Protein backbone atom coordinates (compact mmCIF):
# COMPACT_ATOMS: atom_id res chain seq x y z
CA UNK A 1 -28.46 -32.77 -32.25
CA UNK A 2 -26.24 -34.74 -30.27
CA UNK A 3 -27.04 -39.01 -30.12
CA UNK A 4 -28.54 -39.40 -26.29
CA UNK A 5 -25.77 -41.22 -24.70
CA UNK A 6 -26.02 -44.69 -22.64
CA UNK A 7 -24.13 -43.09 -19.00
CA UNK A 8 -25.76 -40.33 -16.97
CA UNK A 9 -23.33 -37.34 -16.87
CA UNK A 10 -21.22 -37.47 -13.99
CA UNK A 11 -21.03 -34.78 -11.33
CA UNK A 12 -17.56 -34.50 -11.79
CA UNK A 13 -14.29 -34.70 -14.25
CA UNK A 14 -12.10 -36.21 -11.95
CA UNK A 15 -12.39 -38.19 -8.91
CA UNK A 16 -9.53 -38.42 -6.16
CA UNK A 17 -8.59 -42.37 -5.37
CA UNK A 18 -5.80 -42.03 -2.69
CA UNK A 19 -3.00 -40.48 -4.52
CA UNK A 20 -4.35 -40.65 -7.72
CA UNK A 21 -7.08 -38.75 -10.43
CA UNK A 22 -9.66 -40.76 -12.35
CA UNK A 23 -10.78 -39.14 -15.01
CA UNK A 24 -14.71 -39.77 -15.24
CA UNK A 25 -16.87 -40.21 -19.05
CA UNK A 26 -17.08 -36.79 -18.41
CA UNK A 27 -13.37 -35.70 -19.33
CA UNK A 28 -13.70 -38.06 -22.42
CA UNK A 29 -12.49 -36.54 -25.88
CA UNK A 30 -13.89 -37.05 -29.08
CA UNK A 31 -11.15 -38.85 -30.96
CA UNK A 32 -10.87 -41.87 -28.80
CA UNK A 33 -13.38 -43.55 -26.34
CA UNK A 34 -10.45 -44.00 -23.75
CA UNK A 35 -8.66 -40.98 -23.90
CA UNK A 36 -9.21 -37.45 -22.65
CA UNK A 37 -10.18 -34.45 -24.26
CA UNK A 38 -7.53 -31.38 -24.11
CA UNK A 39 -10.38 -29.27 -22.04
CA UNK A 40 -10.10 -31.65 -18.81
CA UNK A 41 -6.64 -31.93 -18.91
CA UNK A 42 -5.83 -28.57 -18.84
CA UNK A 43 -8.78 -27.55 -16.43
CA UNK A 44 -7.23 -30.35 -13.94
CA UNK A 45 -3.33 -28.57 -14.01
CA UNK A 46 -4.64 -25.26 -13.41
CA UNK A 47 -6.55 -26.52 -10.76
CA UNK A 48 -3.44 -28.11 -10.04
CA UNK A 49 -1.63 -25.43 -9.91
CA UNK A 50 -3.25 -22.59 -9.01
CA UNK A 51 -4.69 -24.61 -5.29
CA UNK A 52 -0.38 -25.12 -4.69
CA UNK A 53 0.71 -24.07 -1.60
CA UNK A 54 3.39 -24.91 0.37
CA UNK A 55 5.34 -23.35 3.85
CA UNK A 56 7.51 -21.03 2.15
CA UNK A 57 4.45 -19.73 -0.35
CA UNK A 58 4.08 -15.70 0.84
CA UNK A 59 0.32 -14.98 1.80
CA UNK A 60 0.10 -12.13 -0.93
CA UNK A 61 -2.55 -11.58 -3.36
CA UNK A 62 -1.89 -13.29 -6.70
CA UNK A 63 -3.35 -13.37 -10.66
CA UNK A 64 -2.71 -16.15 -12.88
CA UNK A 65 -0.86 -13.84 -16.06
CA UNK A 66 0.06 -17.10 -17.87
CA UNK A 67 -0.98 -21.12 -18.08
CA UNK A 68 1.51 -23.18 -20.46
CA UNK A 69 -0.12 -26.68 -21.34
CA UNK A 70 2.36 -29.22 -23.37
CA UNK A 71 0.15 -32.78 -24.12
CA UNK A 72 2.74 -34.82 -24.43
CA UNK A 73 0.87 -38.34 -25.26
CA UNK A 74 -2.63 -39.41 -25.29
CA UNK A 75 -4.09 -38.92 -21.87
CA UNK A 76 -6.00 -41.50 -20.99
CA UNK A 77 -8.86 -42.72 -19.21
CA UNK A 78 -7.02 -44.03 -16.69
CA UNK A 79 -5.54 -42.96 -12.71
CA UNK A 80 -3.29 -40.34 -13.24
CA UNK A 81 -0.97 -39.34 -10.65
CA UNK A 82 0.40 -35.68 -9.89
CA UNK A 83 3.66 -34.76 -9.25
CA UNK A 84 3.85 -30.50 -8.41
CA UNK A 85 6.49 -28.28 -7.75
CA UNK A 86 6.91 -24.88 -7.51
CA UNK A 87 9.54 -23.17 -9.87
CA UNK A 88 9.93 -19.49 -8.61
CA UNK A 89 8.12 -18.58 -4.86
CA UNK A 90 8.01 -14.69 -5.09
CA UNK A 91 6.20 -12.15 -3.69
CA UNK A 92 5.32 -10.26 -7.06
CA UNK A 93 5.95 -13.61 -9.18
CA UNK A 94 5.25 -17.26 -8.90
CA UNK A 95 5.68 -19.69 -11.01
CA UNK A 96 4.59 -23.21 -10.59
CA UNK A 97 4.64 -26.35 -12.69
CA UNK A 98 2.60 -29.71 -12.68
CA UNK A 99 3.11 -32.74 -14.42
CA UNK A 100 0.05 -36.20 -15.44
CA UNK A 101 1.39 -39.43 -15.11
CA UNK A 102 0.57 -41.85 -16.28
CA UNK A 103 1.98 -45.51 -15.27
CA UNK A 104 5.06 -44.61 -15.36
CA UNK A 105 4.54 -42.01 -18.65
CA UNK A 106 4.39 -38.60 -18.42
CA UNK A 107 1.29 -37.58 -20.20
CA UNK A 108 0.60 -33.77 -19.84
CA UNK A 109 2.77 -30.88 -18.04
CA UNK A 110 1.99 -27.47 -17.11
CA UNK A 111 3.67 -24.29 -16.03
CA UNK A 112 1.38 -21.39 -14.67
CA UNK A 113 2.30 -17.91 -13.81
CA UNK A 114 0.82 -15.60 -12.00
CA UNK A 115 2.01 -11.55 -10.67
CA UNK A 116 1.03 -10.06 -7.18
CA UNK A 117 -2.56 -7.90 -7.42
CA UNK A 118 -2.04 -4.43 -5.76
CA UNK A 119 -4.23 -1.49 -5.93
CA UNK A 120 -2.01 1.15 -8.67
CA UNK A 121 -4.88 4.12 -9.64
CA UNK A 122 -3.60 4.55 -13.39
CA UNK A 123 -2.92 8.10 -14.52
CA UNK A 124 -5.61 10.19 -17.06
CA UNK A 125 -4.55 9.28 -20.66
CA UNK A 126 -4.09 5.63 -19.83
CA UNK A 127 -4.67 3.39 -22.62
CA UNK A 128 -6.47 1.13 -20.33
CA UNK A 129 -8.94 3.78 -19.04
CA UNK A 130 -10.68 3.80 -22.53
CA UNK A 131 -11.96 -0.02 -20.66
CA UNK A 132 -12.02 -3.63 -21.70
CA UNK A 133 -12.73 -4.26 -25.15
CA UNK A 134 -16.36 -4.53 -26.07
CA UNK A 135 -17.93 -8.33 -26.71
CA UNK A 136 -17.73 -7.64 -30.34
CA UNK A 137 -20.79 -10.23 -30.94
CA UNK A 138 -24.22 -11.28 -29.66
CA UNK A 139 -24.06 -12.25 -25.81
CA UNK A 140 -24.79 -16.42 -24.62
CA UNK A 141 -28.21 -15.50 -23.67
CA UNK A 142 -29.09 -13.95 -27.30
CA UNK A 143 -26.73 -16.86 -29.52
CA UNK A 144 -27.90 -19.90 -30.63
CA UNK A 145 -26.97 -23.19 -28.38
CA UNK A 146 -25.37 -26.12 -30.34
CA UNK A 147 -24.75 -29.09 -30.02
CA UNK A 148 -21.42 -31.45 -31.45
CA UNK A 149 -22.54 -34.43 -33.04
CA UNK A 150 -20.59 -37.27 -33.05
CA UNK A 151 -18.11 -38.80 -35.64
CA UNK A 152 -19.37 -41.56 -38.27
CA UNK A 153 -19.37 -44.40 -36.38
CA UNK A 154 -18.44 -43.50 -33.07
CA UNK A 155 -19.88 -44.75 -29.97
CA UNK A 156 -22.97 -42.33 -28.32
CA UNK A 157 -21.31 -42.40 -25.36
CA UNK A 158 -20.80 -39.03 -22.93
CA UNK A 159 -17.51 -36.86 -23.37
CA UNK A 160 -16.63 -33.52 -22.76
CA UNK A 161 -17.30 -31.87 -26.01
CA UNK A 162 -21.03 -32.17 -26.09
CA UNK A 163 -22.18 -32.85 -22.55
CA UNK A 164 -19.80 -31.75 -19.87
CA UNK A 165 -19.68 -27.78 -21.51
CA UNK A 166 -22.60 -26.34 -23.07
CA UNK A 167 -21.87 -24.43 -26.22
CA UNK A 168 -23.74 -21.20 -27.62
CA UNK A 169 -22.83 -19.75 -31.08
CA UNK A 170 -22.72 -16.12 -31.66
CA UNK A 171 -21.10 -16.41 -35.15
CA UNK A 172 -20.43 -19.78 -36.91
CA UNK A 173 -21.09 -23.46 -35.70
CA UNK A 174 -19.92 -26.96 -35.09
CA UNK A 175 -21.10 -27.50 -38.94
CA UNK A 176 -19.51 -24.36 -40.24
CA UNK A 177 -15.62 -24.29 -41.39
CA UNK A 178 -13.79 -21.26 -39.86
CA UNK A 179 -13.31 -19.05 -38.00
CA UNK A 180 -16.54 -18.75 -34.63
CA UNK A 181 -17.24 -17.35 -31.88
CA UNK A 182 -19.00 -19.67 -29.00
CA UNK A 183 -19.55 -19.13 -25.60
CA UNK A 184 -18.64 -21.86 -23.23
CA UNK A 185 -20.16 -23.31 -19.77
CA UNK A 186 -18.59 -25.66 -17.62
CA UNK A 187 -21.45 -27.80 -16.19
CA UNK A 188 -19.01 -29.80 -14.19
CA UNK A 189 -16.66 -29.36 -11.60
CA UNK A 190 -12.86 -30.74 -11.72
CA UNK A 191 -13.36 -32.31 -8.56
CA UNK A 192 -16.19 -33.02 -6.25
CA UNK A 193 -17.34 -30.57 -3.85
CA UNK A 194 -14.92 -28.31 -5.40
CA UNK A 195 -16.10 -24.88 -6.54
CA UNK A 196 -15.15 -24.30 -10.19
CA UNK A 197 -13.12 -20.86 -9.80
CA UNK A 198 -12.72 -18.64 -12.37
CA UNK A 199 -9.19 -19.98 -13.93
CA UNK A 200 -10.96 -23.55 -14.34
CA UNK A 201 -13.21 -21.84 -16.44
CA UNK A 202 -11.17 -20.17 -18.82
CA UNK A 203 -8.50 -22.61 -18.83
CA UNK A 204 -11.90 -25.91 -19.57
CA UNK A 205 -12.89 -23.41 -22.29
CA UNK A 206 -9.38 -22.13 -24.41
CA UNK A 207 -8.58 -25.48 -25.61
CA UNK A 208 -12.06 -25.12 -27.79
CA UNK A 209 -10.03 -22.82 -30.24
CA UNK A 210 -9.29 -25.31 -33.29
CA UNK A 211 -12.42 -27.40 -32.09
CA UNK A 212 -14.49 -24.72 -33.10
CA UNK A 213 -13.24 -23.16 -35.43
CA UNK A 214 -12.07 -25.91 -37.97
CA UNK A 215 -10.34 -25.08 -40.83
CA UNK A 216 -10.98 -27.99 -42.82
CA UNK A 217 -13.70 -31.16 -42.57
CA UNK A 218 -13.22 -33.49 -39.35
CA UNK A 219 -14.45 -36.60 -40.94
CA UNK A 220 -10.98 -36.22 -43.15
CA UNK A 221 -8.39 -34.17 -41.41
CA UNK A 222 -6.79 -34.21 -38.10
CA UNK A 223 -6.10 -30.62 -36.57
CA UNK A 224 -4.67 -31.29 -32.87
CA UNK A 225 -2.85 -29.28 -30.79
CA UNK A 226 0.29 -30.83 -28.30
CA UNK A 227 0.14 -27.48 -26.64
CA UNK A 228 -2.00 -24.59 -25.41
CA UNK A 229 -0.89 -20.65 -23.81
CA UNK A 230 -3.32 -19.02 -22.04
CA UNK A 231 -2.15 -15.02 -20.81
CA UNK A 232 -4.96 -13.40 -18.75
CA UNK A 233 -4.91 -9.79 -17.71
CA UNK A 234 -8.06 -9.90 -15.79
CA UNK A 235 -10.09 -13.22 -14.35
CA UNK A 236 -13.26 -13.97 -15.88
CA UNK A 237 -16.34 -12.80 -14.34
CA UNK A 238 -19.83 -15.03 -14.48
CA UNK A 239 -20.15 -18.67 -15.77
CA UNK A 240 -19.17 -18.58 -19.32
CA UNK A 241 -16.24 -17.64 -21.30
CA UNK A 242 -16.17 -16.65 -25.16
CA UNK A 243 -13.64 -17.76 -27.84
CA UNK A 244 -13.76 -15.64 -31.08
CA UNK A 245 -10.65 -17.55 -32.37
CA UNK A 246 -9.74 -18.41 -36.12
CA UNK A 247 -7.30 -21.12 -37.56
CA UNK A 248 -4.35 -21.15 -39.51
CA UNK A 249 -3.11 -23.70 -41.89
CA UNK A 250 -0.32 -24.26 -44.12
CA UNK A 251 0.64 -26.96 -46.62
CA UNK A 252 2.75 -27.84 -44.72
CA UNK A 253 0.97 -29.77 -41.91
CA UNK A 254 1.71 -27.15 -39.33
CA UNK A 255 -0.86 -24.96 -37.86
CA UNK A 256 -2.36 -22.38 -35.53
CA UNK A 257 -5.45 -21.15 -33.59
CA UNK A 258 -5.24 -17.74 -31.99
CA UNK A 259 -8.09 -16.44 -29.60
CA UNK A 260 -9.41 -13.80 -28.40
CA UNK A 261 -11.03 -14.39 -24.46
CA UNK A 262 -14.35 -12.74 -23.32
CA UNK A 263 -16.79 -12.85 -20.33
CA UNK A 264 -19.63 -10.54 -20.65
CA UNK A 265 -18.26 -7.85 -19.41
CA UNK A 266 -15.57 -7.54 -22.22
CA UNK A 267 -11.90 -9.04 -23.15
CA UNK A 268 -10.36 -11.23 -20.73
CA UNK A 269 -6.51 -11.99 -22.63
CA UNK A 270 -6.16 -14.86 -25.32
CA UNK A 271 -5.34 -17.96 -26.08
CA UNK A 272 -2.95 -20.25 -28.61
CA UNK A 273 -3.09 -23.24 -29.74
CA UNK A 274 0.17 -25.21 -32.31
CA UNK A 275 -1.94 -28.01 -34.86
CA UNK A 276 -0.45 -31.18 -36.24
CA UNK A 277 -2.15 -31.74 -38.95
CA UNK A 278 -2.87 -34.77 -41.07
CA UNK A 279 -5.47 -36.53 -43.13
CA UNK A 280 -7.60 -39.41 -42.16
């Protein structure tokens, strides 16, 4: 069980303060008390990209097809300045970039790709007519709720992975090494009074791939992801996003996490993380 936290769970992952966005304790990561988890960083970048509009943005329905995040440095629990730009503004393809700057240092960046949506009935015999790949494990209602414990010597604080998200395992657990199937639900919005979008739900969950399918013991190894790429063929329905995830590690200090993503209807896409391995 998670140790009781001495502070209340904030109402959001971040708050706005003028031109900056300030992380709350709900964004705190597991590795350092003054740095963010990758999940809130990814969720914020996704929110910034999908809501960014300019006078040139066409009034066309778009769906996110890809989100690529580069975690360039530890993101501090300190004010962050967002910087947004349009890489491509088209009626069929749209590409948006968001950067997060701490002080004068670029700490994270993301690119969001969107494809226009349109009514395109598929002919008989199309493989997609078989329907979405069904969820291969039990849904969240029949899965086991599990909260991560603190690392040895870690202060009992509110943290993203243990307090701002709920985890239910259909296969594996926080303490078991190896592949897992984990249902994840984000409990607080990215910003106050901003509803949690389907994309943000995916972004908030997908960074857990390496953590919930740990290939090595947490107390003696680090396997940190400097990046995350998510591809989606449809948006999730409902509050839960599932990760069917595996990690692959090599004795040269390099690894990878591969994740299939699901909602309660079926498959929605996949995510990949590069892993930097180190012994503690």
